[in-house]
All heavy atoms as atom14 arrays in JSON, in Angstrom:
{
  "sequence": "LDLQRNNKPTILIGVTFALLDFIEKHPLDFPELIIMETGGMKGR",
  "atom14_mask": [
    [1, 1, 1, 1, 1, 1, 1, 1, 0, 0, 0, 0, 0, 0],
    [1, 1, 1, 1, 1, 1, 1, 1, 0, 0, 0, 0, 0, 0],
    [1, 1, 1, 1, 1, 1, 1, 1, 0, 0, 0, 0, 0, 0],
    [1, 1, 1, 1, 1, 1, 1, 1, 1, 0, 0, 0, 0, 0],
    [1, 1, 1, 1, 1, 1, 1, 1, 1, 1, 1, 0, 0, 0],
    [1, 1, 1, 1, 1, 1, 1, 1, 0, 0, 0, 0, 0, 0],
    [1, 1, 1, 1, 1, 1, 1, 1, 0, 0, 0, 0, 0, 0],
    [1, 1, 1, 1, 1, 1, 1, 1, 1, 0, 0, 0, 0, 0],
    [1, 1, 1, 1, 1, 1, 1, 0, 0, 0, 0, 0, 0, 0],
    [1, 1, 1, 1, 1, 1, 1, 0, 0, 0, 0, 0, 0, 0],
    [1, 1, 1, 1, 1, 1, 1, 1, 0, 0, 0, 0, 0, 0],
    [1, 1, 1, 1, 1, 1, 1, 1, 0, 0, 0, 0, 0, 0],
    [1, 1, 1, 1, 1, 1, 1, 1, 0, 0, 0, 0, 0, 0],
    [1, 1, 1, 1, 0, 0, 0, 0, 0, 0, 0, 0, 0, 0],
    [1, 1, 1, 1, 1, 1, 1, 0, 0, 0, 0, 0, 0, 0],
    [1, 1, 1, 1, 1, 1, 1, 0, 0, 0, 0, 0, 0, 0],
    [1, 1, 1, 1, 1, 1, 1, 1, 1, 1, 1, 0, 0, 0],
    [1, 1, 1, 1, 1, 0, 0, 0, 0, 0, 0, 0, 0, 0],
    [1, 1, 1, 1, 1, 1, 1, 1, 0, 0, 0, 0, 0, 0],
    [1, 1, 1, 1, 1, 1, 1, 1, 0, 0, 0, 0, 0, 0],
    [1, 1, 1, 1, 1, 1, 1, 1, 0, 0, 0, 0, 0, 0],
    [1, 1, 1, 1, 1, 1, 1, 1, 1, 1, 1, 0, 0, 0],
    [1, 1, 1, 1, 1, 1, 1, 1, 0, 0, 0, 0, 0, 0],
    [1, 1, 1, 1, 1, 1, 1, 1, 1, 0, 0, 0, 0, 0],
    [1, 1, 1, 1, 1, 1, 1, 1, 1, 0, 0, 0, 0, 0],
    [1, 1, 1, 1, 1, 1, 1, 1, 1, 1, 0, 0, 0, 0],
    [1, 1, 1, 1, 1, 1, 1, 0, 0, 0, 0, 0, 0, 0],
    [1, 1, 1, 1, 1, 1, 1, 1, 0, 0, 0, 0, 0, 0],
    [1, 1, 1, 1, 1, 1, 1, 1, 0, 0, 0, 0, 0, 0],
    [1, 1, 1, 1, 1, 1, 1, 1, 1, 1, 1, 0, 0, 0],
    [1, 1, 1, 1, 1, 1, 1, 0, 0, 0, 0, 0, 0, 0],
    [1, 1, 1, 1, 1, 1, 1, 1, 1, 0, 0, 0, 0, 0],
    [1, 1, 1, 1, 1, 1, 1, 1, 0, 0, 0, 0, 0, 0],
    [1, 1, 1, 1, 1, 1, 1, 1, 0, 0, 0, 0, 0, 0],
    [1, 1, 1, 1, 1, 1, 1, 1, 0, 0, 0, 0, 0, 0],
    [1, 1, 1, 1, 1, 1, 1, 1, 0, 0, 0, 0, 0, 0],
    [1, 1, 1, 1, 1, 1, 1, 1, 1, 0, 0, 0, 0, 0],
    [1, 1, 1, 1, 1, 1, 1, 0, 0, 0, 0, 0, 0, 0],
    [1, 1, 1, 1, 0, 0, 0, 0, 0, 0, 0, 0, 0, 0],
    [1, 1, 1, 1, 0, 0, 0, 0, 0, 0, 0, 0, 0, 0],
    [1, 1, 1, 1, 1, 1, 1, 1, 0, 0, 0, 0, 0, 0],
    [1, 1, 1, 1, 1, 1, 1, 1, 1, 0, 0, 0, 0, 0],
    [1, 1, 1, 1, 0, 0, 0, 0, 0, 0, 0, 0, 0, 0],
    [1, 1, 1, 1, 1, 1, 1, 1, 1, 1, 1, 0, 0, 0]
  ],
  "atom14_positions": [
    [[92.84, 83.85, 102.93], [91.81, 82.81, 103.03], [90.51, 83.4, 103.38], [89.44, 83.03, 102.95], [92.27, 81.68, 103.85], [93.46, 80.83, 103.33], [93.86, 79.89, 104.44], [93.15, 80.18, 101.98], [0.0, 0.0, 0.0], [0.0, 0.0, 0.0], [0.0, 0.0, 0.0], [0.0, 0.0, 0.0], [0.0, 0.0, 0.0], [0.0, 0.0, 0.0]],
    [[90.5, 84.35, 104.42], [89.29, 85.04, 104.94], [88.74, 85.79, 103.92], [87.52, 85.8, 103.6], [89.78, 85.84, 106.2], [88.5, 86.41, 106.74], [87.49, 85.69, 107.09], [88.44, 87.69, 106.91], [0.0, 0.0, 0.0], [0.0, 0.0, 0.0], [0.0, 0.0, 0.0], [0.0, 0.0, 0.0], [0.0, 0.0, 0.0], [0.0, 0.0, 0.0]],
    [[89.48, 86.52, 103.12], [88.98, 87.48, 102.07], [88.4, 86.61, 100.85], [87.37, 86.95, 100.22], [90.09, 88.3, 101.47], [90.51, 89.42, 102.43], [91.8, 90.08, 102.0], [89.45, 90.51, 102.57], [0.0, 0.0, 0.0], [0.0, 0.0, 0.0], [0.0, 0.0, 0.0], [0.0, 0.0, 0.0], [0.0, 0.0, 0.0], [0.0, 0.0, 0.0]],
    [[89.06, 85.41, 100.63], [88.52, 84.51, 99.57], [87.18, 83.9, 100.0], [86.23, 83.84, 99.19], [89.61, 83.45, 99.3], [89.08, 82.46, 98.19], [90.14, 81.42, 97.79], [90.99, 81.11, 98.7], [90.11, 80.92, 96.67], [0.0, 0.0, 0.0], [0.0, 0.0, 0.0], [0.0, 0.0, 0.0], [0.0, 0.0, 0.0], [0.0, 0.0, 0.0]],
    [[86.98, 83.59, 101.29], [85.72, 82.97, 101.72], [84.62, 84.04, 101.6], [83.38, 83.7, 101.34], [85.93, 82.6, 103.1], [86.52, 81.16, 103.33], [86.43, 80.71, 104.8], [87.15, 81.54, 105.66], [88.3, 81.39, 106.07], [89.05, 80.45, 105.61], [88.88, 82.16, 107.02], [0.0, 0.0, 0.0], [0.0, 0.0, 0.0], [0.0, 0.0, 0.0]],
    [[85.01, 85.24, 101.88], [84.0, 86.36, 101.75], [83.84, 87.04, 100.42], [83.08, 88.07, 100.28], [84.4, 87.44, 102.83], [84.2, 86.95, 104.28], [83.22, 86.28, 104.63], [85.24, 87.17, 105.03], [0.0, 0.0, 0.0], [0.0, 0.0, 0.0], [0.0, 0.0, 0.0], [0.0, 0.0, 0.0], [0.0, 0.0, 0.0], [0.0, 0.0, 0.0]],
    [[84.47, 86.39, 99.41], [84.37, 86.94, 98.03], [84.63, 88.5, 97.95], [84.0, 89.26, 97.24], [82.96, 86.72, 97.54], [82.59, 85.17, 97.43], [83.53, 84.46, 96.9], [81.48, 84.83, 97.92], [0.0, 0.0, 0.0], [0.0, 0.0, 0.0], [0.0, 0.0, 0.0], [0.0, 0.0, 0.0], [0.0, 0.0, 0.0], [0.0, 0.0, 0.0]],
    [[85.68, 88.88, 98.71], [86.03, 90.34, 98.72], [87.15, 90.61, 97.65], [88.09, 89.87, 97.62], [86.68, 90.65, 100.04], [87.11, 92.2, 100.19], [86.06, 93.16, 100.08], [86.57, 94.66, 100.25], [85.36, 95.51, 100.16], [0.0, 0.0, 0.0], [0.0, 0.0, 0.0], [0.0, 0.0, 0.0], [0.0, 0.0, 0.0], [0.0, 0.0, 0.0]],
    [[86.89, 91.42, 96.69], [87.91, 91.69, 95.6], [89.2, 92.1, 96.38], [89.19, 93.08, 97.24], [87.34, 92.86, 94.87], [85.94, 92.71, 95.08], [85.63, 92.18, 96.54], [0.0, 0.0, 0.0], [0.0, 0.0, 0.0], [0.0, 0.0, 0.0], [0.0, 0.0, 0.0], [0.0, 0.0, 0.0], [0.0, 0.0, 0.0], [0.0, 0.0, 0.0]],
    [[90.34, 91.55, 96.0], [91.61, 91.73, 96.81], [92.78, 91.92, 95.79], [92.87, 91.21, 94.81], [91.83, 90.43, 97.68], [90.68, 90.26, 98.5], [93.06, 90.69, 98.46], [0.0, 0.0, 0.0], [0.0, 0.0, 0.0], [0.0, 0.0, 0.0], [0.0, 0.0, 0.0], [0.0, 0.0, 0.0], [0.0, 0.0, 0.0], [0.0, 0.0, 0.0]],
    [[93.68, 92.81, 96.12], [94.83, 93.07, 95.42], [96.0, 92.82, 96.48], [95.94, 93.37, 97.53], [94.95, 94.52, 94.78], [93.93, 94.72, 93.84], [96.38, 94.75, 94.34], [93.97, 96.2, 93.21], [0.0, 0.0, 0.0], [0.0, 0.0, 0.0], [0.0, 0.0, 0.0], [0.0, 0.0, 0.0], [0.0, 0.0, 0.0], [0.0, 0.0, 0.0]],
    [[96.94, 92.03, 96.02], [98.15, 91.85, 96.85], [99.35, 92.33, 96.03], [99.75, 91.8, 94.99], [98.39, 90.3, 97.14], [99.8, 89.91, 97.88], [99.99, 90.74, 99.09], [99.9, 88.38, 97.96], [0.0, 0.0, 0.0], [0.0, 0.0, 0.0], [0.0, 0.0, 0.0], [0.0, 0.0, 0.0], [0.0, 0.0, 0.0], [0.0, 0.0, 0.0]],
    [[99.89, 93.43, 96.5], [101.09, 94.06, 95.86], [102.31, 93.59, 96.54], [102.33, 93.66, 97.84], [100.99, 95.55, 95.64], [102.11, 96.21, 94.84], [100.89, 96.28, 97.07], [102.04, 97.6, 94.54], [0.0, 0.0, 0.0], [0.0, 0.0, 0.0], [0.0, 0.0, 0.0], [0.0, 0.0, 0.0], [0.0, 0.0, 0.0], [0.0, 0.0, 0.0]],
    [[103.31, 93.09, 95.79], [104.44, 92.55, 96.53], [105.73, 92.74, 95.74], [105.79, 92.57, 94.42], [0.0, 0.0, 0.0], [0.0, 0.0, 0.0], [0.0, 0.0, 0.0], [0.0, 0.0, 0.0], [0.0, 0.0, 0.0], [0.0, 0.0, 0.0], [0.0, 0.0, 0.0], [0.0, 0.0, 0.0], [0.0, 0.0, 0.0], [0.0, 0.0, 0.0]],
    [[106.83, 92.87, 96.41], [108.19, 92.75, 95.7], [108.5, 91.26, 95.4], [107.93, 90.43, 96.1], [109.2, 93.45, 96.67], [109.43, 92.47, 97.9], [110.47, 93.4, 95.98], [0.0, 0.0, 0.0], [0.0, 0.0, 0.0], [0.0, 0.0, 0.0], [0.0, 0.0, 0.0], [0.0, 0.0, 0.0], [0.0, 0.0, 0.0], [0.0, 0.0, 0.0]],
    [[109.02, 91.07, 94.24], [109.11, 89.71, 93.61], [109.68, 88.67, 94.6], [109.02, 87.68, 94.79], [110.02, 89.77, 92.39], [109.56, 90.84, 91.52], [109.98, 88.49, 91.65], [0.0, 0.0, 0.0], [0.0, 0.0, 0.0], [0.0, 0.0, 0.0], [0.0, 0.0, 0.0], [0.0, 0.0, 0.0], [0.0, 0.0, 0.0], [0.0, 0.0, 0.0]],
    [[110.77, 88.85, 95.24], [111.38, 87.84, 96.08], [110.35, 87.57, 97.24], [110.32, 86.26, 97.65], [112.79, 88.22, 96.59], [112.78, 89.21, 97.76], [112.61, 88.84, 98.98], [112.87, 90.6, 97.46], [112.62, 89.8, 100.13], [112.9, 91.53, 98.48], [112.68, 91.17, 99.84], [0.0, 0.0, 0.0], [0.0, 0.0, 0.0], [0.0, 0.0, 0.0]],
    [[109.58, 88.44, 97.83], [108.8, 88.18, 98.76], [107.59, 87.27, 98.42], [107.03, 86.38, 99.16], [108.37, 89.53, 99.56], [0.0, 0.0, 0.0], [0.0, 0.0, 0.0], [0.0, 0.0, 0.0], [0.0, 0.0, 0.0], [0.0, 0.0, 0.0], [0.0, 0.0, 0.0], [0.0, 0.0, 0.0], [0.0, 0.0, 0.0], [0.0, 0.0, 0.0]],
    [[107.07, 87.63, 97.29], [105.98, 86.79, 96.79], [106.44, 85.37, 96.44], [105.63, 84.41, 96.85], [105.47, 87.4, 95.39], [104.76, 88.79, 95.46], [104.55, 89.36, 94.05], [103.41, 88.76, 96.3], [0.0, 0.0, 0.0], [0.0, 0.0, 0.0], [0.0, 0.0, 0.0], [0.0, 0.0, 0.0], [0.0, 0.0, 0.0], [0.0, 0.0, 0.0]],
    [[107.55, 85.1, 95.96], [108.09, 83.82, 95.77], [108.32, 83.15, 97.08], [108.06, 82.0, 97.26], [109.42, 83.92, 94.93], [109.24, 84.33, 93.51], [110.7, 84.62, 92.98], [108.62, 83.23, 92.68], [0.0, 0.0, 0.0], [0.0, 0.0, 0.0], [0.0, 0.0, 0.0], [0.0, 0.0, 0.0], [0.0, 0.0, 0.0], [0.0, 0.0, 0.0]],
    [[108.98, 83.83, 98.09], [109.12, 83.3, 99.44], [107.77, 82.85, 100.01], [107.69, 81.69, 100.6], [109.77, 84.3, 100.39], [111.19, 84.57, 100.1], [111.81, 83.76, 99.24], [111.85, 85.54, 100.59], [0.0, 0.0, 0.0], [0.0, 0.0, 0.0], [0.0, 0.0, 0.0], [0.0, 0.0, 0.0], [0.0, 0.0, 0.0], [0.0, 0.0, 0.0]],
    [[106.75, 83.63, 99.84], [105.43, 83.27, 100.39], [104.85, 81.97, 99.79], [104.38, 81.13, 100.53], [104.5, 84.52, 100.21], [103.13, 84.22, 100.81], [102.84, 84.42, 102.16], [102.11, 83.85, 99.92], [101.59, 84.13, 102.58], [100.82, 83.65, 100.42], [100.54, 83.77, 101.88], [0.0, 0.0, 0.0], [0.0, 0.0, 0.0], [0.0, 0.0, 0.0]],
    [[104.84, 81.91, 98.52], [104.17, 80.77, 97.92], [105.0, 79.41, 98.06], [104.37, 78.4, 97.97], [103.82, 81.01, 96.37], [105.11, 81.28, 95.62], [102.82, 82.04, 96.23], [104.94, 81.35, 94.16], [0.0, 0.0, 0.0], [0.0, 0.0, 0.0], [0.0, 0.0, 0.0], [0.0, 0.0, 0.0], [0.0, 0.0, 0.0], [0.0, 0.0, 0.0]],
    [[106.23, 79.57, 98.24], [107.07, 78.3, 98.61], [106.53, 77.69, 99.79], [106.52, 76.51, 100.05], [108.56, 78.6, 98.63], [109.15, 78.93, 97.33], [110.59, 79.13, 97.46], [111.2, 79.29, 98.57], [111.31, 79.31, 96.43], [0.0, 0.0, 0.0], [0.0, 0.0, 0.0], [0.0, 0.0, 0.0], [0.0, 0.0, 0.0], [0.0, 0.0, 0.0]],
    [[106.04, 78.47, 100.8], [105.54, 77.97, 102.09], [104.09, 77.93, 102.16], [103.58, 76.97, 102.75], [105.97, 78.96, 103.24], [107.56, 78.97, 103.52], [107.81, 79.91, 104.62], [107.91, 81.38, 104.07], [108.49, 82.36, 105.06], [0.0, 0.0, 0.0], [0.0, 0.0, 0.0], [0.0, 0.0, 0.0], [0.0, 0.0, 0.0], [0.0, 0.0, 0.0]],
    [[103.37, 78.7, 101.29], [101.97, 78.72, 101.47], [101.25, 78.85, 100.07], [100.64, 79.94, 99.75], [101.51, 79.91, 102.25], [102.11, 79.98, 103.6], [101.78, 79.01, 104.58], [102.98, 80.91, 104.09], [102.57, 79.37, 105.69], [103.15, 80.55, 105.4], [0.0, 0.0, 0.0], [0.0, 0.0, 0.0], [0.0, 0.0, 0.0], [0.0, 0.0, 0.0]],
    [[101.41, 77.76, 99.23], [100.66, 77.85, 97.91], [99.18, 77.95, 98.08], [98.61, 77.46, 99.03], [101.06, 76.48, 97.24], [101.45, 75.56, 98.38], [102.03, 76.45, 99.4], [0.0, 0.0, 0.0], [0.0, 0.0, 0.0], [0.0, 0.0, 0.0], [0.0, 0.0, 0.0], [0.0, 0.0, 0.0], [0.0, 0.0, 0.0], [0.0, 0.0, 0.0]],
    [[98.61, 78.7, 97.13], [97.15, 79.02, 97.23], [96.43, 78.63, 95.89], [97.01, 78.42, 94.87], [96.87, 80.5, 97.46], [97.25, 81.13, 98.81], [97.17, 82.62, 98.66], [96.28, 80.6, 99.85], [0.0, 0.0, 0.0], [0.0, 0.0, 0.0], [0.0, 0.0, 0.0], [0.0, 0.0, 0.0], [0.0, 0.0, 0.0], [0.0, 0.0, 0.0]],
    [[95.1, 78.51, 95.93], [94.29, 78.41, 94.8], [93.23, 79.52, 94.98], [92.21, 79.3, 95.37], [93.66, 77.05, 94.72], [92.81, 76.92, 93.46], [93.13, 77.64, 92.49], [91.93, 75.96, 93.41], [0.0, 0.0, 0.0], [0.0, 0.0, 0.0], [0.0, 0.0, 0.0], [0.0, 0.0, 0.0], [0.0, 0.0, 0.0], [0.0, 0.0, 0.0]],
    [[93.67, 80.75, 94.47], [92.7, 81.95, 94.68], [92.73, 82.72, 93.33], [93.26, 83.75, 93.18], [93.41, 82.78, 95.78], [92.49, 83.88, 96.28], [93.03, 84.59, 97.38], [91.22, 84.35, 95.67], [92.18, 85.71, 98.01], [90.52, 85.36, 96.16], [91.02, 86.03, 97.33], [0.0, 0.0, 0.0], [0.0, 0.0, 0.0], [0.0, 0.0, 0.0]],
    [[91.89, 82.15, 92.4], [91.94, 82.7, 90.94], [91.47, 84.15, 90.87], [91.8, 84.87, 89.98], [91.04, 81.71, 90.17], [90.32, 80.95, 91.28], [91.03, 80.95, 92.48], [0.0, 0.0, 0.0], [0.0, 0.0, 0.0], [0.0, 0.0, 0.0], [0.0, 0.0, 0.0], [0.0, 0.0, 0.0], [0.0, 0.0, 0.0], [0.0, 0.0, 0.0]],
    [[90.66, 84.54, 91.83], [90.04, 85.97, 91.83], [91.07, 86.93, 92.35], [90.95, 88.2, 92.08], [88.86, 86.05, 92.71], [87.69, 85.12, 92.19], [87.8, 83.72, 92.7], [88.51, 83.4, 93.59], [87.23, 82.86, 92.05], [0.0, 0.0, 0.0], [0.0, 0.0, 0.0], [0.0, 0.0, 0.0], [0.0, 0.0, 0.0], [0.0, 0.0, 0.0]],
    [[92.1, 86.47, 92.9], [93.12, 87.43, 93.56], [93.93, 88.09, 92.43], [94.27, 87.53, 91.52], [94.08, 86.58, 94.53], [95.28, 87.38, 95.12], [94.74, 88.42, 96.26], [96.2, 86.35, 95.79], [0.0, 0.0, 0.0], [0.0, 0.0, 0.0], [0.0, 0.0, 0.0], [0.0, 0.0, 0.0], [0.0, 0.0, 0.0], [0.0, 0.0, 0.0]],
    [[94.13, 89.44, 92.65], [95.01, 90.2, 91.8], [96.38, 90.29, 92.38], [96.59, 90.87, 93.45], [94.52, 91.59, 91.46], [93.19, 91.54, 90.66], [95.54, 92.3, 90.69], [92.48, 92.9, 90.48], [0.0, 0.0, 0.0], [0.0, 0.0, 0.0], [0.0, 0.0, 0.0], [0.0, 0.0, 0.0], [0.0, 0.0, 0.0], [0.0, 0.0, 0.0]],
    [[97.37, 89.58, 91.71], [98.78, 89.7, 92.21], [99.48, 90.78, 91.49], [99.55, 90.78, 90.13], [99.52, 88.37, 92.06], [98.82, 87.28, 92.91], [101.03, 88.52, 92.35], [99.08, 87.6, 94.42], [0.0, 0.0, 0.0], [0.0, 0.0, 0.0], [0.0, 0.0, 0.0], [0.0, 0.0, 0.0], [0.0, 0.0, 0.0], [0.0, 0.0, 0.0]],
    [[100.03, 91.8, 92.09], [100.68, 92.83, 91.42], [102.09, 92.92, 91.88], [102.4, 93.32, 92.98], [99.95, 94.08, 91.69], [100.62, 95.35, 90.97], [99.89, 97.0, 91.43], [98.2, 96.75, 90.77], [0.0, 0.0, 0.0], [0.0, 0.0, 0.0], [0.0, 0.0, 0.0], [0.0, 0.0, 0.0], [0.0, 0.0, 0.0], [0.0, 0.0, 0.0]],
    [[103.02, 92.32, 91.06], [104.49, 92.45, 91.41], [105.09, 93.62, 90.93], [104.78, 94.12, 89.95], [105.12, 91.1, 90.82], [105.16, 90.97, 89.37], [106.41, 91.54, 88.86], [107.4, 91.89, 89.56], [106.41, 91.7, 87.67], [0.0, 0.0, 0.0], [0.0, 0.0, 0.0], [0.0, 0.0, 0.0], [0.0, 0.0, 0.0], [0.0, 0.0, 0.0]],
    [[106.04, 94.22, 91.87], [106.55, 95.5, 91.63], [108.05, 95.32, 91.52], [108.85, 96.28, 91.77], [106.11, 96.57, 92.7], [106.6, 97.76, 92.34], [106.77, 96.02, 94.07], [0.0, 0.0, 0.0], [0.0, 0.0, 0.0], [0.0, 0.0, 0.0], [0.0, 0.0, 0.0], [0.0, 0.0, 0.0], [0.0, 0.0, 0.0], [0.0, 0.0, 0.0]],
    [[108.53, 94.12, 91.11], [109.83, 94.02, 90.57], [111.0, 93.8, 91.57], [110.92, 94.16, 92.72], [0.0, 0.0, 0.0], [0.0, 0.0, 0.0], [0.0, 0.0, 0.0], [0.0, 0.0, 0.0], [0.0, 0.0, 0.0], [0.0, 0.0, 0.0], [0.0, 0.0, 0.0], [0.0, 0.0, 0.0], [0.0, 0.0, 0.0], [0.0, 0.0, 0.0]],
    [[111.99, 93.14, 91.06], [113.23, 93.02, 91.77], [113.38, 91.98, 92.8], [112.53, 91.7, 93.56], [0.0, 0.0, 0.0], [0.0, 0.0, 0.0], [0.0, 0.0, 0.0], [0.0, 0.0, 0.0], [0.0, 0.0, 0.0], [0.0, 0.0, 0.0], [0.0, 0.0, 0.0], [0.0, 0.0, 0.0], [0.0, 0.0, 0.0], [0.0, 0.0, 0.0]],
    [[114.61, 91.3, 92.74], [114.97, 90.31, 93.7], [115.66, 91.03, 94.79], [115.97, 90.43, 95.88], [115.77, 89.18, 93.09], [115.05, 88.44, 92.04], [113.67, 87.46, 92.78], [113.14, 86.43, 91.36], [0.0, 0.0, 0.0], [0.0, 0.0, 0.0], [0.0, 0.0, 0.0], [0.0, 0.0, 0.0], [0.0, 0.0, 0.0], [0.0, 0.0, 0.0]],
    [[116.16, 92.29, 94.58], [116.9, 93.02, 95.71], [118.05, 92.24, 96.25], [118.5, 92.44, 97.43], [116.0, 93.44, 96.88], [114.68, 93.99, 96.48], [114.75, 95.19, 95.68], [113.4, 95.85, 95.34], [113.42, 96.93, 94.45], [0.0, 0.0, 0.0], [0.0, 0.0, 0.0], [0.0, 0.0, 0.0], [0.0, 0.0, 0.0], [0.0, 0.0, 0.0]],
    [[118.67, 91.42, 95.41], [119.69, 90.57, 95.75], [119.4, 89.48, 96.7], [120.34, 88.77, 97.18], [0.0, 0.0, 0.0], [0.0, 0.0, 0.0], [0.0, 0.0, 0.0], [0.0, 0.0, 0.0], [0.0, 0.0, 0.0], [0.0, 0.0, 0.0], [0.0, 0.0, 0.0], [0.0, 0.0, 0.0], [0.0, 0.0, 0.0], [0.0, 0.0, 0.0]],
    [[118.18, 89.23, 96.99], [117.64, 88.13, 97.96], [117.63, 86.85, 97.23], [117.71, 85.72, 97.89], [116.39, 88.56, 98.49], [116.15, 89.87, 99.1], [116.88, 90.07, 100.42], [116.56, 91.36, 101.04], [115.61, 91.73, 101.99], [114.94, 90.63, 102.44], [115.52, 92.87, 102.34], [0.0, 0.0, 0.0], [0.0, 0.0, 0.0], [0.0, 0.0, 0.0]]
  ]
}
């Protein structure tokens, strides 16, 4: 949220299950954000 307010170009790289866990608790509206998923549920 701080980076969005400051218009800072941001990349969030995440393993798939962790990205899903995060947005279930904290949905965002950050269209400038680059989400880079790096695959796999790792059995989670």
